[in-house]
Amino acid sequence: MLKYLMVVFSCLLILVGCSSNTTPGDEGKASENNEGNEENLNLIDNNEVTEGSWISSAGTEREDEDMVYTTKIDYDPNESYHLSHGSYISYYKGEEFIKTVLHEGENPIEIKKVEQADTIVVSFRTAFLESIKLSSK
């Protein structure tokens, strides 16, 4: 009887070890699903922010200990961008300031398109520093 149980137990171990969660033909799907995920990358580098200020609607830096702003982020008006938290987006063409727009609402928040812009700066609350995400699609 003990020998029989050991054989059954061994067979179960082999079956469990050989099984996988994929079905035939699924082997390549994990890599396919990750292709094109560049749009899910966070465009905000929270290590590259200026703390204690934000960019105002006049395009000037304003002091506020509860705010931070990013370095310039490449912007393509033909793409859609989404924010995870309400923020101020400052639009630039080269070094020329265009405007700052407050973006708020239901998450994810789609930012407004500004056709002549080629870079943006995101100003947001310090409390969002570890969780804010800007992505493009």
Protein backbone atom coordinates (compact mmCIF):
# COMPACT_ATOMS: atom_id res chain seq x y z
CA MET A 1 0.00 0.00 0.00
CA LEU A 2 2.81 2.40 0.86
CA LYS A 3 4.49 1.63 -2.45
CA TYR A 4 1.21 2.34 -4.30
CA LEU A 5 0.83 5.75 -2.53
CA MET A 6 4.41 6.68 -3.37
CA VAL A 7 3.82 5.87 -7.07
CA VAL A 8 0.59 7.95 -7.11
CA PHE A 9 2.30 10.83 -5.27
CA SER A 10 5.26 10.72 -7.70
CA CYS A 11 2.90 10.80 -10.69
CA LEU A 12 1.09 13.81 -9.25
CA LEU A 13 4.37 15.65 -8.72
CA ILE A 14 5.41 14.97 -12.30
CA LEU A 15 2.04 16.15 -13.64
CA VAL A 16 2.11 19.33 -11.58
CA GLY A 17 5.70 20.03 -12.61
CA CYS A 18 4.95 19.53 -16.29
CA SER A 19 1.78 21.58 -16.38
CA SER A 20 1.75 25.24 -17.34
CA ASN A 21 -0.81 28.01 -17.44
CA THR A 22 -0.58 28.37 -21.22
CA THR A 23 -2.52 26.55 -23.83
CA PRO A 24 -1.00 25.46 -27.15
CA GLY A 25 -0.33 28.52 -29.27
CA ASP A 26 -0.16 30.94 -26.31
CA GLU A 27 3.63 30.81 -25.97
CA GLY A 28 4.21 34.02 -27.96
CA LYS A 29 1.29 36.00 -26.61
CA ALA A 30 3.10 37.34 -23.53
CA SER A 31 5.74 39.00 -25.68
CA GLU A 32 3.10 40.17 -28.19
CA ASN A 33 1.13 41.80 -25.37
CA ASN A 34 4.22 43.70 -24.26
CA GLU A 35 4.98 44.95 -27.76
CA GLY A 36 3.79 48.51 -28.25
CA ASN A 37 3.62 49.16 -24.51
CA GLU A 38 5.88 52.16 -24.97
CA GLU A 39 2.75 54.27 -24.52
CA ASN A 40 2.37 52.87 -21.02
CA LEU A 41 5.78 54.12 -19.93
CA ASN A 42 5.75 57.00 -17.49
CA LEU A 43 7.06 60.10 -19.26
CA ILE A 44 7.62 61.81 -15.91
CA ASP A 45 10.99 61.14 -14.30
CA ASN A 46 10.35 61.88 -10.63
CA ASN A 47 14.12 62.11 -10.08
CA GLU A 48 14.27 65.09 -12.46
CA VAL A 49 11.93 67.62 -10.85
CA THR A 50 12.33 71.05 -9.36
CA GLU A 51 10.82 71.09 -5.88
CA GLY A 52 9.15 74.02 -4.13
CA SER A 53 7.73 75.78 -7.18
CA TRP A 54 5.54 75.46 -10.26
CA ILE A 55 5.08 77.14 -13.67
CA SER A 56 2.29 79.72 -13.57
CA SER A 57 -0.18 80.72 -16.30
CA ALA A 58 2.23 83.55 -17.17
CA GLY A 59 5.02 81.05 -17.76
CA THR A 60 6.99 82.16 -14.73
CA GLU A 61 8.25 80.06 -11.86
CA ARG A 62 6.17 80.57 -8.70
CA GLU A 63 7.29 79.44 -5.26
CA ASP A 64 5.07 76.93 -3.47
CA GLU A 65 6.55 74.38 -1.08
CA ASP A 66 3.75 71.90 -1.91
CA MET A 67 4.50 71.87 -5.67
CA VAL A 68 7.10 70.44 -8.06
CA TYR A 69 7.63 70.66 -11.81
CA THR A 70 9.34 68.41 -14.34
CA THR A 71 12.08 69.10 -16.82
CA LYS A 72 10.83 69.60 -20.39
CA ILE A 73 9.17 66.50 -21.85
CA ASP A 74 9.01 65.94 -25.62
CA TYR A 75 5.46 66.50 -26.86
CA ASP A 76 3.78 65.48 -30.13
CA PRO A 77 0.35 67.10 -30.67
CA ASN A 78 -0.61 64.17 -32.90
CA GLU A 79 -0.53 61.81 -29.90
CA SER A 80 -2.93 61.55 -26.96
CA TYR A 81 -1.48 62.04 -23.49
CA HIS A 82 -3.07 60.94 -20.22
CA LEU A 83 -2.35 62.01 -16.63
CA SER A 84 -3.05 60.04 -13.50
CA HIS A 85 -3.53 63.16 -11.31
CA GLY A 86 -4.68 66.72 -11.81
CA SER A 87 -1.77 68.92 -12.87
CA TYR A 88 -0.77 72.11 -14.63
CA ILE A 89 0.70 71.54 -18.10
CA SER A 90 2.90 74.28 -19.54
CA TYR A 91 3.33 74.13 -23.32
CA TYR A 92 6.45 75.34 -25.16
CA LYS A 93 7.69 75.65 -28.71
CA GLY A 94 11.44 75.44 -28.32
CA GLU A 95 12.25 77.89 -25.54
CA GLU A 96 9.14 80.00 -26.19
CA PHE A 97 6.37 79.66 -23.58
CA ILE A 98 2.89 79.20 -25.10
CA LYS A 99 0.52 78.70 -22.15
CA THR A 100 -0.20 76.79 -18.92
CA VAL A 101 -3.44 74.82 -18.61
CA LEU A 102 -4.92 73.22 -15.48
CA HIS A 103 -5.93 69.63 -16.19
CA GLU A 104 -8.27 68.00 -13.71
CA GLY A 105 -11.19 65.60 -13.63
CA GLU A 106 -11.77 61.85 -13.83
CA ASN A 107 -8.61 59.78 -14.07
CA PRO A 108 -7.06 59.22 -16.49
CA ILE A 109 -7.13 62.85 -17.58
CA GLU A 110 -6.53 63.48 -21.28
CA ILE A 111 -4.41 66.60 -21.72
CA LYS A 112 -5.44 69.29 -24.17
CA LYS A 113 -3.73 69.39 -27.55
CA VAL A 114 -1.68 72.44 -28.45
CA GLU A 115 -0.69 72.14 -32.11
CA GLN A 116 2.35 74.42 -32.08
CA ALA A 117 3.93 72.91 -28.92
CA ASP A 118 6.90 70.54 -29.03
CA THR A 119 7.63 70.21 -25.29
CA ILE A 120 5.66 70.37 -22.05
CA VAL A 121 6.41 70.85 -18.36
CA VAL A 122 4.13 69.24 -15.77
CA SER A 123 3.59 71.00 -12.42
CA PHE A 124 1.88 69.05 -9.66
CA ARG A 125 1.56 68.57 -5.91
CA THR A 126 4.55 67.05 -4.13
CA ALA A 127 2.17 64.48 -2.60
CA PHE A 128 1.77 62.95 -6.11
CA LEU A 129 5.51 62.66 -6.77
CA GLU A 130 5.69 58.89 -6.34
CA SER A 131 2.38 58.06 -8.02
CA ILE A 132 1.88 60.51 -10.90
CA LYS A 133 2.00 59.08 -14.40
CA LEU A 134 1.97 60.72 -17.81
CA SER A 135 1.60 58.35 -20.75
CA SER A 136 1.06 58.74 -24.48
CA LYS A 137 -0.98 56.64 -26.88
